[in-house]
Amino acid sequence: MSNWASDSERTILAAVAEAGPGGCEVHQLRELLEFTFDEFFDALQVLMTGRKVSMTHSGSEDIITLRVPRHCGLVLDAIRAAGTSCIDYVSIARKTAVAKSEVLEALAHLIQSGVIKEAPSVPNRALRPYILAELVPSVDATGGTTYNAARDIEFDAHLRNRIVALARARSLITIDQMKAALDGDPTESERAKRLSAKDLDVVARALEVEGILQRVSLDVVHDAGGVGVWMYSLVPRRPAGSP
């Protein structure tokens, strides 16, 4: 594969990821990236063949979205349950009864989404251990700073519930608005108030992967630099019995 094709694939993947769950139209993406016709579609074909992106038809438009591996939810649940103790891909496969190849595919997607991270393992470097991106691995997993696993799992659940509640209270909410709400709540823990906007975004992206939140970008909402920012909302739930 030529170098420009590899660079094109990475550029397309980054642009589609930035577009969020709704994806982006093919012709708009090519115009935005300013690729030649052959360069764009050759790279796109490689990504589709490699199951990195999917193409769907909406009216007269072709929409490109990141392909979410089907077992992401199960893999993420196993990593969350492990807390700060971390968990390797072999253990994930055993606990979830998912093929190792599919576990690795889901792990790659979750890492790319910023939801989890690979933790350096001192006891066993051969098995790559994984942990939620916002947690610190325990000393048993890495020999580093130790946190109470039960406390971290409880805090993660609390934080997820708070973010969902904030999204439910508003039709759309930014990460900065989430942080402001936590900082301004006198009943909220100091630990939650110490979280950065990046920390909150990691949790929100995990909820997005699980199909609880969705991201949208509004041109009318800008940060101080005049750049459009992402907003989150709850994913609408289908009525019981609906197809």
C-alpha atoms as a PDB file:
ATOM      1  CA  MET A   1       0.000   0.000   0.000  1.00  0.00           C
ATOM      2  CA  SER A   2       1.402   3.439  -0.874  1.00  0.00           C
ATOM      3  CA  ASN A   3       2.098   6.059   1.793  1.00  0.00           C
ATOM      4  CA  TRP A   4      -0.465   8.531   0.471  1.00  0.00           C
ATOM      5  CA  ALA A   5      -3.184   5.868   0.660  1.00  0.00           C
ATOM      6  CA  SER A   6      -2.307   5.152   4.283  1.00  0.00           C
ATOM      7  CA  ASP A   7      -2.350   8.873   5.098  1.00  0.00           C
ATOM      8  CA  SER A   8      -5.672   9.257   3.293  1.00  0.00           C
ATOM      9  CA  GLU A   9      -7.236   6.438   5.275  1.00  0.00           C
ATOM     10  CA  ARG A  10      -6.157   7.999   8.575  1.00  0.00           C
ATOM     11  CA  THR A  11      -7.454  11.403   7.488  1.00  0.00           C
ATOM     12  CA  ILE A  12     -10.830   9.980   6.444  1.00  0.00           C
ATOM     13  CA  LEU A  13     -11.148   7.996   9.685  1.00  0.00           C
ATOM     14  CA  ALA A  14     -10.411  11.104  11.750  1.00  0.00           C
ATOM     15  CA  ALA A  15     -12.952  13.174   9.819  1.00  0.00           C
ATOM     16  CA  VAL A  16     -15.688  10.523  10.123  1.00  0.00           C
ATOM     17  CA  ALA A  17     -14.982  10.110  13.848  1.00  0.00           C
ATOM     18  CA  GLU A  18     -15.242  13.878  14.325  1.00  0.00           C
ATOM     19  CA  ALA A  19     -18.604  13.868  12.527  1.00  0.00           C
ATOM     20  CA  GLY A  20     -20.064  11.728  15.312  1.00  0.00           C
ATOM     21  CA  PRO A  21     -22.665   8.948  15.208  1.00  0.00           C
ATOM     22  CA  GLY A  22     -24.602  10.541  12.346  1.00  0.00           C
ATOM     23  CA  GLY A  23     -21.631  10.239  10.003  1.00  0.00           C
ATOM     24  CA  CYS A  24     -21.091  12.520   7.026  1.00  0.00           C
ATOM     25  CA  GLU A  25     -22.105  12.654   3.374  1.00  0.00           C
ATOM     26  CA  VAL A  26     -19.590  11.189   0.946  1.00  0.00           C
ATOM     27  CA  HIS A  27     -19.413  14.120  -1.473  1.00  0.00           C
ATOM     28  CA  GLN A  28     -19.133  16.662   1.355  1.00  0.00           C
ATOM     29  CA  LEU A  29     -16.338  14.649   2.952  1.00  0.00           C
ATOM     30  CA  ARG A  30     -14.354  14.503  -0.289  1.00  0.00           C
ATOM     31  CA  GLU A  31     -14.802  18.240  -0.857  1.00  0.00           C
ATOM     32  CA  LEU A  32     -13.771  18.973   2.724  1.00  0.00           C
ATOM     33  CA  LEU A  33     -10.600  16.867   2.508  1.00  0.00           C
ATOM     34  CA  GLU A  34      -9.762  18.091  -1.014  1.00  0.00           C
ATOM     35  CA  PHE A  35      -8.620  14.651  -2.166  1.00  0.00           C
ATOM     36  CA  THR A  36      -8.565  13.619  -5.783  1.00  0.00           C
ATOM     37  CA  PHE A  37     -11.370  11.304  -6.877  1.00  0.00           C
ATOM     38  CA  ASP A  38      -9.108   8.238  -7.100  1.00  0.00           C
ATOM     39  CA  GLU A  39      -7.257   9.001  -3.866  1.00  0.00           C
ATOM     40  CA  PHE A  40     -10.479   9.399  -1.899  1.00  0.00           C
ATOM     41  CA  PHE A  41     -12.372   6.393  -3.183  1.00  0.00           C
ATOM     42  CA  ASP A  42      -9.350   4.067  -3.147  1.00  0.00           C
ATOM     43  CA  ALA A  43      -8.800   4.889   0.522  1.00  0.00           C
ATOM     44  CA  LEU A  44     -12.521   4.597   1.254  1.00  0.00           C
ATOM     45  CA  GLN A  45     -12.634   1.166  -0.366  1.00  0.00           C
ATOM     46  CA  VAL A  46      -9.747  -0.023   1.830  1.00  0.00           C
ATOM     47  CA  LEU A  47     -11.540   1.237   4.951  1.00  0.00           C
ATOM     48  CA  MET A  48     -14.812  -0.438   3.979  1.00  0.00           C
ATOM     49  CA  THR A  49     -13.081  -3.717   3.118  1.00  0.00           C
ATOM     50  CA  GLY A  50     -11.264  -3.573   6.448  1.00  0.00           C
ATOM     51  CA  ARG A  51     -14.621  -2.975   8.203  1.00  0.00           C
ATOM     52  CA  LYS A  52     -13.446   0.352   9.630  1.00  0.00           C
ATOM     53  CA  VAL A  53     -16.348   2.344   8.180  1.00  0.00           C
ATOM     54  CA  SER A  54     -19.808   1.600   6.799  1.00  0.00           C
ATOM     55  CA  MET A  55     -21.789   3.245   4.025  1.00  0.00           C
ATOM     56  CA  THR A  56     -25.552   3.668   4.160  1.00  0.00           C
ATOM     57  CA  HIS A  57     -28.014   5.388   1.853  1.00  0.00           C
ATOM     58  CA  SER A  58     -30.220   8.220   3.106  1.00  0.00           C
ATOM     59  CA  GLY A  59     -32.469   9.581   0.388  1.00  0.00           C
ATOM     60  CA  SER A  60     -30.174  10.546  -2.467  1.00  0.00           C
ATOM     61  CA  GLU A  61     -27.072  10.731  -0.275  1.00  0.00           C
ATOM     62  CA  ASP A  62     -24.448   8.154   0.715  1.00  0.00           C
ATOM     63  CA  ILE A  63     -23.521   8.440   4.404  1.00  0.00           C
ATOM     64  CA  ILE A  64     -20.216   7.242   5.855  1.00  0.00           C
ATOM     65  CA  THR A  65     -20.086   6.274   9.540  1.00  0.00           C
ATOM     66  CA  LEU A  66     -17.544   4.554  11.761  1.00  0.00           C
ATOM     67  CA  ARG A  67     -18.316   0.881  12.059  1.00  0.00           C
ATOM     68  CA  VAL A  68     -18.999   0.024  15.705  1.00  0.00           C
ATOM     69  CA  PRO A  69     -18.059  -3.606  16.457  1.00  0.00           C
ATOM     70  CA  ARG A  70     -21.119  -5.490  17.662  1.00  0.00           C
ATOM     71  CA  HIS A  71     -19.610  -6.604  20.975  1.00  0.00           C
ATOM     72  CA  CYS A  72     -18.413  -3.178  22.187  1.00  0.00           C
ATOM     73  CA  GLY A  73     -21.043  -3.104  24.927  1.00  0.00           C
ATOM     74  CA  LEU A  74     -20.074  -6.496  26.350  1.00  0.00           C
ATOM     75  CA  VAL A  75     -16.364  -5.687  26.238  1.00  0.00           C
ATOM     76  CA  LEU A  76     -16.904  -2.316  27.892  1.00  0.00           C
ATOM     77  CA  ASP A  77     -19.015  -3.914  30.639  1.00  0.00           C
ATOM     78  CA  ALA A  78     -16.212  -6.392  31.391  1.00  0.00           C
ATOM     79  CA  ILE A  79     -13.640  -3.585  31.606  1.00  0.00           C
ATOM     80  CA  ARG A  80     -15.906  -1.499  33.830  1.00  0.00           C
ATOM     81  CA  ALA A  81     -16.524  -4.464  36.152  1.00  0.00           C
ATOM     82  CA  ALA A  82     -12.763  -4.964  36.525  1.00  0.00           C
ATOM     83  CA  GLY A  83     -12.392  -1.419  37.872  1.00  0.00           C
ATOM     84  CA  THR A  84      -8.834  -0.397  38.689  1.00  0.00           C
ATOM     85  CA  SER A  85      -7.653  -4.028  38.667  1.00  0.00           C
ATOM     86  CA  CYS A  86      -7.659  -3.925  34.827  1.00  0.00           C
ATOM     87  CA  ILE A  87      -8.468  -6.905  32.612  1.00  0.00           C
ATOM     88  CA  ASP A  88      -6.671  -8.437  29.642  1.00  0.00           C
ATOM     89  CA  TYR A  89      -8.249  -9.406  26.350  1.00  0.00           C
ATOM     90  CA  VAL A  90      -8.018 -13.147  27.073  1.00  0.00           C
ATOM     91  CA  SER A  91     -10.001 -12.718  30.291  1.00  0.00           C
ATOM     92  CA  ILE A  92     -12.513 -10.494  28.489  1.00  0.00           C
ATOM     93  CA  ALA A  93     -13.024 -13.192  25.857  1.00  0.00           C
ATOM     94  CA  ARG A  94     -13.537 -15.823  28.553  1.00  0.00           C
ATOM     95  CA  LYS A  95     -15.982 -13.723  30.593  1.00  0.00           C
ATOM     96  CA  THR A  96     -18.042 -12.546  27.614  1.00  0.00           C
ATOM     97  CA  ALA A  97     -17.853 -15.725  25.485  1.00  0.00           C
ATOM     98  CA  VAL A  98     -16.804 -13.512  22.554  1.00  0.00           C
ATOM     99  CA  ALA A  99     -14.120 -14.659  20.117  1.00  0.00           C
ATOM    100  CA  LYS A 100     -10.683 -13.166  20.841  1.00  0.00           C
ATOM    101  CA  SER A 101     -10.492 -11.599  17.379  1.00  0.00           C
ATOM    102  CA  GLU A 102     -13.787  -9.809  17.981  1.00  0.00           C
ATOM    103  CA  VAL A 103     -12.674  -8.711  21.454  1.00  0.00           C
ATOM    104  CA  LEU A 104      -9.537  -7.151  19.943  1.00  0.00           C
ATOM    105  CA  GLU A 105     -11.649  -5.417  17.300  1.00  0.00           C
ATOM    106  CA  ALA A 106     -13.922  -3.960  19.990  1.00  0.00           C
ATOM    107  CA  LEU A 107     -10.924  -2.912  22.103  1.00  0.00           C
ATOM    108  CA  ALA A 108      -9.376  -1.064  19.159  1.00  0.00           C
ATOM    109  CA  HIS A 109     -12.618   0.844  18.610  1.00  0.00           C
ATOM    110  CA  LEU A 110     -13.006   1.727  22.299  1.00  0.00           C
ATOM    111  CA  ILE A 111      -9.405   2.971  22.484  1.00  0.00           C
ATOM    112  CA  GLN A 112      -9.884   5.045  19.337  1.00  0.00           C
ATOM    113  CA  SER A 113     -13.044   6.500  20.891  1.00  0.00           C
ATOM    114  CA  GLY A 114     -11.100   7.485  24.009  1.00  0.00           C
ATOM    115  CA  VAL A 115     -13.302   5.385  26.300  1.00  0.00           C
ATOM    116  CA  ILE A 116     -10.636   2.957  27.538  1.00  0.00           C
ATOM    117  CA  LYS A 117      -6.856   2.816  27.637  1.00  0.00           C
ATOM    118  CA  GLU A 118      -4.161   0.180  27.756  1.00  0.00           C
ATOM    119  CA  ALA A 119      -2.442   0.065  31.155  1.00  0.00           C
ATOM    120  CA  PRO A 120       1.235  -0.884  31.465  1.00  0.00           C
ATOM    121  CA  SER A 121       1.388  -4.203  33.294  1.00  0.00           C
ATOM    122  CA  VAL A 122       4.422  -4.928  35.446  1.00  0.00           C
ATOM    123  CA  PRO A 123       3.377  -8.452  36.561  1.00  0.00           C
ATOM    124  CA  ASN A 124       2.475  -9.647  33.069  1.00  0.00           C
ATOM    125  CA  ARG A 125       3.568  -7.536  30.125  1.00  0.00           C
ATOM    126  CA  ALA A 126       2.519 -10.194  27.613  1.00  0.00           C
ATOM    127  CA  LEU A 127      -1.188  -9.728  28.338  1.00  0.00           C
ATOM    128  CA  ARG A 128      -2.218  -6.170  27.576  1.00  0.00           C
ATOM    129  CA  PRO A 129      -4.484  -4.995  30.426  1.00  0.00           C
ATOM    130  CA  TYR A 130      -7.280  -2.502  29.776  1.00  0.00           C
ATOM    131  CA  ILE A 131      -9.051  -0.015  32.029  1.00  0.00           C
ATOM    132  CA  LEU A 132     -11.585   2.799  31.730  1.00  0.00           C
ATOM    133  CA  ALA A 133      -9.796   5.917  30.499  1.00  0.00           C
ATOM    134  CA  GLU A 134     -10.672   7.987  33.562  1.00  0.00           C
ATOM    135  CA  LEU A 135      -9.383   5.454  36.138  1.00  0.00           C
ATOM    136  CA  VAL A 136      -5.888   4.898  37.548  1.00  0.00           C
ATOM    137  CA  PRO A 137      -4.679   1.258  37.581  1.00  0.00           C
ATOM    138  CA  SER A 138      -4.171  -0.379  40.968  1.00  0.00           C
ATOM    139  CA  VAL A 139      -0.788  -1.416  42.314  1.00  0.00           C
ATOM    140  CA  ASP A 140      -1.669  -5.081  41.700  1.00  0.00           C
ATOM    141  CA  ALA A 141      -1.992  -4.354  37.990  1.00  0.00           C
ATOM    142  CA  THR A 142       0.937  -2.001  37.436  1.00  0.00           C
ATOM    143  CA  GLY A 143       2.950  -1.479  40.599  1.00  0.00           C
ATOM    144  CA  GLY A 144       1.858   2.187  40.490  1.00  0.00           C
ATOM    145  CA  THR A 145      -0.502   4.378  42.506  1.00  0.00           C
ATOM    146  CA  THR A 146      -3.292   2.382  44.078  1.00  0.00           C
ATOM    147  CA  TYR A 147      -6.945   3.304  44.320  1.00  0.00           C
ATOM    148  CA  ASN A 148      -9.765   1.413  45.996  1.00  0.00           C
ATOM    149  CA  ALA A 149     -11.408  -0.586  43.193  1.00  0.00           C
ATOM    150  CA  ALA A 150     -14.848  -0.696  44.802  1.00  0.00           C
ATOM    151  CA  ARG A 151     -14.766   3.054  45.395  1.00  0.00           C
ATOM    152  CA  ASP A 152     -13.790   3.765  41.788  1.00  0.00           C
ATOM    153  CA  ILE A 153     -16.544   1.558  40.369  1.00  0.00           C
ATOM    154  CA  GLU A 154     -19.080   3.251  42.648  1.00  0.00           C
ATOM    155  CA  PHE A 155     -17.812   6.716  41.645  1.00  0.00           C
ATOM    156  CA  ASP A 156     -17.928   5.800  37.941  1.00  0.00           C
ATOM    157  CA  ALA A 157     -21.548   4.684  38.296  1.00  0.00           C
ATOM    158  CA  HIS A 158     -22.417   7.896  40.150  1.00  0.00           C
ATOM    159  CA  LEU A 159     -20.763  10.038  37.496  1.00  0.00           C
ATOM    160  CA  ARG A 160     -22.530   8.221  34.677  1.00  0.00           C
ATOM    161  CA  ASN A 161     -25.879   8.721  36.408  1.00  0.00           C
ATOM    162  CA  ARG A 162     -25.179  12.427  36.939  1.00  0.00           C
ATOM    163  CA  ILE A 163     -24.280  12.957  33.280  1.00  0.00           C
ATOM    164  CA  VAL A 164     -27.384  11.099  32.096  1.00  0.00           C
ATOM    165  CA  ALA A 165     -29.523  13.154  34.486  1.00  0.00           C
ATOM    166  CA  LEU A 166     -28.010  16.408  33.212  1.00  0.00           C
ATOM    167  CA  ALA A 167     -28.614  15.352  29.597  1.00  0.00           C
ATOM    168  CA  ARG A 168     -32.199  14.408  30.480  1.00  0.00           C
ATOM    169  CA  ALA A 169     -32.811  17.800  32.105  1.00  0.00           C
ATOM    170  CA  ARG A 170     -31.783  19.649  28.935  1.00  0.00           C
ATOM    171  CA  SER A 171     -32.414  18.885  25.298  1.00  0.00           C
ATOM    172  CA  LEU A 172     -28.716  19.490  24.537  1.00  0.00           C
ATOM    173  CA  ILE A 173     -25.719  19.973  26.827  1.00  0.00           C
ATOM    174  CA  THR A 174     -22.006  20.603  26.302  1.00  0.00           C
ATOM    175  CA  ILE A 175     -19.164  19.143  28.339  1.00  0.00           C
ATOM    176  CA  ASP A 176     -18.413  22.590  29.773  1.00  0.00           C
ATOM    177  CA  GLN A 177     -22.048  22.888  30.896  1.00  0.00           C
ATOM    178  CA  MET A 178     -21.802  19.476  32.566  1.00  0.00           C
ATOM    179  CA  LYS A 179     -18.683  20.588  34.430  1.00  0.00           C
ATOM    180  CA  ALA A 180     -20.302  23.873  35.460  1.00  0.00           C
ATOM    181  CA  ALA A 181     -23.312  21.976  36.826  1.00  0.00           C
ATOM    182  CA  LEU A 182     -21.092  19.646  38.879  1.00  0.00           C
ATOM    183  CA  ASP A 183     -18.901  22.499  40.136  1.00  0.00           C
ATOM    184  CA  GLY A 184     -21.949  24.526  41.150  1.00  0.00           C
ATOM    185  CA  ASP A 185     -23.682  21.705  43.033  1.00  0.00           C
ATOM    186  CA  PRO A 186     -22.975  22.060  46.783  1.00  0.00           C
ATOM    187  CA  THR A 187     -23.954  18.405  47.322  1.00  0.00           C
ATOM    188  CA  GLU A 188     -21.460  17.074  44.768  1.00  0.00           C
ATOM    189  CA  SER A 189     -18.222  15.443  45.935  1.00  0.00           C
ATOM    190  CA  GLU A 190     -14.892  17.236  45.709  1.00  0.00           C
ATOM    191  CA  ARG A 191     -13.600  14.363  43.612  1.00  0.00           C
ATOM    192  CA  ALA A 192     -16.228  15.027  40.968  1.00  0.00           C
ATOM    193  CA  LYS A 193     -15.463  18.740  41.001  1.00  0.00           C
ATOM    194  CA  ARG A 194     -11.765  18.034  40.408  1.00  0.00           C
ATOM    195  CA  LEU A 195     -12.543  16.275  37.126  1.00  0.00           C
ATOM    196  CA  SER A 196     -11.511  18.146  33.997  1.00  0.00           C
ATOM    197  CA  ALA A 197     -13.687  18.688  30.949  1.00  0.00           C
ATOM    198  CA  LYS A 198     -11.594  16.009  29.218  1.00  0.00           C
ATOM    199  CA  ASP A 199     -12.408  13.527  32.006  1.00  0.00           C
ATOM    200  CA  LEU A 200     -16.135  14.204  31.624  1.00  0.00           C
ATOM    201  CA  ASP A 201     -15.890  13.855  27.852  1.00  0.00           C
ATOM    202  CA  VAL A 202     -14.393  10.366  28.286  1.00  0.00           C
ATOM    203  CA  VAL A 203     -17.399   9.286  30.353  1.00  0.00           C
ATOM    204  CA  ALA A 204     -19.826  10.901  27.900  1.00  0.00           C
ATOM    205  CA  ARG A 205     -18.161   9.095  24.994  1.00  0.00           C
ATOM    206  CA  ALA A 206     -18.504   5.796  26.857  1.00  0.00           C
ATOM    207  CA  LEU A 207     -22.220   6.490  27.217  1.00  0.00           C
ATOM    208  CA  GLU A 208     -22.295   7.261  23.500  1.00  0.00           C
ATOM    209  CA  VAL A 209     -20.698   3.913  22.641  1.00  0.00           C
ATOM    210  CA  GLU A 210     -23.353   2.211  24.783  1.00  0.00           C
ATOM    211  CA  GLY A 211     -26.128   3.967  22.890  1.00  0.00           C
ATOM    212  CA  ILE A 212     -27.275   6.075  25.855  1.00  0.00           C
ATOM    213  CA  LEU A 213     -26.057   9.470  24.650  1.00  0.00           C
ATOM    214  CA  GLN A 214     -25.536  10.863  21.184  1.00  0.00           C
ATOM    215  CA  ARG A 215     -23.327  13.703  19.967  1.00  0.00           C
ATOM    216  CA  VAL A 216     -24.426  16.518  17.684  1.00  0.00           C
ATOM    217  CA  SER A 217     -22.545  19.584  16.454  1.00  0.00           C
ATOM    218  CA  LEU A 218     -24.424  22.867  16.205  1.00  0.00           C
ATOM    219  CA  ASP A 219     -23.008  25.730  14.165  1.00  0.00           C
ATOM    220  CA  VAL A 220     -24.740  28.210  16.469  1.00  0.00           C
ATOM    221  CA  VAL A 221     -22.792  26.992  19.510  1.00  0.00           C
ATOM    222  CA  HIS A 222     -19.158  28.057  19.647  1.00  0.00           C
ATOM    223  CA  ASP A 223     -16.380  28.094  22.158  1.00  0.00           C
ATOM    224  CA  ALA A 224     -14.284  31.152  22.950  1.00  0.00           C
ATOM    225  CA  GLY A 225     -12.155  30.591  19.878  1.00  0.00           C
ATOM    226  CA  GLY A 226     -15.103  30.566  17.520  1.00  0.00           C
ATOM    227  CA  VAL A 227     -14.915  26.817  16.911  1.00  0.00           C
ATOM    228  CA  GLY A 228     -18.052  24.679  16.897  1.00  0.00           C
ATOM    229  CA  VAL A 229     -18.366  22.416  19.945  1.00  0.00           C
ATOM    230  CA  TRP A 230     -20.004  19.054  20.498  1.00  0.00           C
ATOM    231  CA  MET A 231     -23.235  18.782  22.445  1.00  0.00           C
ATOM    232  CA  TYR A 232     -24.767  15.656  23.945  1.00  0.00           C
ATOM    233  CA  SER A 233     -28.365  14.514  24.211  1.00  0.00           C
ATOM    234  CA  LEU A 234     -30.121  11.336  25.272  1.00  0.00           C
ATOM    235  CA  VAL A 235     -30.709   8.781  22.539  1.00  0.00           C
ATOM    236  CA  PRO A 236     -34.494   8.558  22.010  1.00  0.00           C
ATOM    237  CA  ARG A 237     -35.901   5.252  23.180  1.00  0.00           C
ATOM    238  CA  ARG A 238     -38.339   3.316  21.022  1.00  0.00           C
ATOM    239  CA  PRO A 239     -41.723   2.566  22.578  1.00  0.00           C
ATOM    240  CA  ALA A 240     -42.111  -1.032  23.809  1.00  0.00           C
ATOM    241  CA  GLY A 241     -43.270  -3.309  21.030  1.00  0.00           C
ATOM    242  CA  SER A 242     -42.125  -1.000  18.236  1.00  0.00           C
ATOM    243  CA  PRO A 243     -40.100  -2.581  15.383  1.00  0.00           C
END
